[in-house]
Amino acid sequence: MENSHSLLFLSILLYLNEINDRRIWVPDTFLANDKHSYLHDVTEKNKMLRLSRDGRIAYGMRFTSTLACSMDLRNFPLDAQNCTVEIESYGYTTSEVLMKWNHPLAVHGVDQAEVPQFRILGYQTEDSIVSTATGSYQRLSLVFQLKRSVGYFIFQTYLPCVLIVMLSWVSFWINHEATSARVALGITTVLTMTTISTGVRQSLPRISYVKSIDIYLVMCFVFVFAALLEYAAVNYSYWGRRSRRGDNECSGWNLNGEPTAMSALDRINNDDKESTMEWNGKGKNIVEVSTESETKHEVVRNHSNSNDSSSSGIDRDSHSVRRVVFRKRPSSPIPELCPDGGEAVIIDGDNPEYPRFVSGTKARPSFSIRARRRMTMAKQRTMSIKTSIHKAGKKAVSTLPSFRVKDVNVIDRYSRVIFPLCFVLFNLFYWGYYTMFAG
């Protein structure tokens, strides 16, 4: 009976409550990488204290903690991380308290644990000593090997990016003359890619290095933007060539940048139906008036040595000539009001052609005539500069190999093959590198 009683006494455990807990010494352990923790106290504080017959004490508590984990996000979201739980004594050094893992039951229940966005590949325990300014302390570390689950990012980021890039290829099958449809499609895809990139970056910490998801988003943006630029090239090749043909036919310039035989007459006809006033070196002024159809020219020649005026044909001698431009206005219905001693000269191009009396023996050009003369000379200088630049550009282009597209639909046909092929090759390289080599 005594033996059975003693065996029963040894198997008895003493459960202590919170009041007795204060009378028993417990180590001052804390979590070194803790950011935020709280102890559960519903309905009472979740603590457990057991005292065995041989003097062993089992002490436990239930709390929730948020721990810091240093991660390398260069391969995000195809990355694997190592996160630790670090347990350390706060005030007792190694000379006072020694801590060790209770193997083989140090950690249990990890196989049934689930972590959002991660898979627990394994764990290991470590024992180390940390030296600080106040002494050396023992630290117990539990290291978890985590692998990020990529399924969330496949449906939230990668798949939408692939669909948007494929949507940008639809413009290759749209007629190149449907400018509004193709431009709207290209701008929409570009803006959508920008929105996705912004949303992904906002959910991640601001780090300096480039992540794998950044590379994918940037490349998708490049493909979408290249599809928009492809239509710009098609539009320029089509409408630019037509406009150059129209300019060459209308302006009288040939393909080498030289004026043709019809260009001089065309420039006269396109000079806003203007009249010209010329001054030669013999002291004569010639007023040349162009009719609306440019078929007749009326010339009034004023001599500086006499007060009489006479009409004659166009006299263009080899002396220096200056030209002043006037607009043709309808004649005034008012009869001539000038006296016999004067002369009516039509020189104002801004008002109707009412007669004006000019006294003296020589008509002097007004301020508007001088201004128009300077404007004409400036236009001539501008035209000469443009001609020289045009010829220089032609020479530079002639030295380079020329690639002329006769049919702009060829660009779209090649793009239908090149763009998908390049995108498939990029995806093969991307997923192969980050899943096999980087992992």
Foldseek 3Di string as FASTA:
>chain_A
DVVVVVVVQQPDKDWDDPVVVVVDDDFQKDWPQFDDKDFDQVVHTAWTWIAGPVGDIDIDGDMDTDGDFDDDQQAPPQDKGKGKTKMWGDPDAPVGDDDDADPPPRDDDPVVDDDPQKDFPDKDKDWDWDADPVGIIIMIMIMTIIGGDCVVCVVLPVVVLVVLLVQLLVLLVDDLVPVVVNLVSLVVSLVVLVVSVVVVVVVDDDDDDHHLSNVVSVVSNVSSVVSNVLSVVLVCQPVVVVVVVVCCVQQQADPLLDHHPCNVVSCVLPVQQKWKWKDFDQQKIWTWHADNVRPDIWIKIAHLVDQDTDTDDDDDDPGDMFIFIAHAADADPDDDDEDPQFDFDQDDRVDHRDTDTDDDRHDDDDPNRVVRRVVVVVVVVVVVVVSVVVNVVSVVVVVDDDDRDPDSSVSSVVCSPVSVVVVVVVVVVSCCCSNPPVD
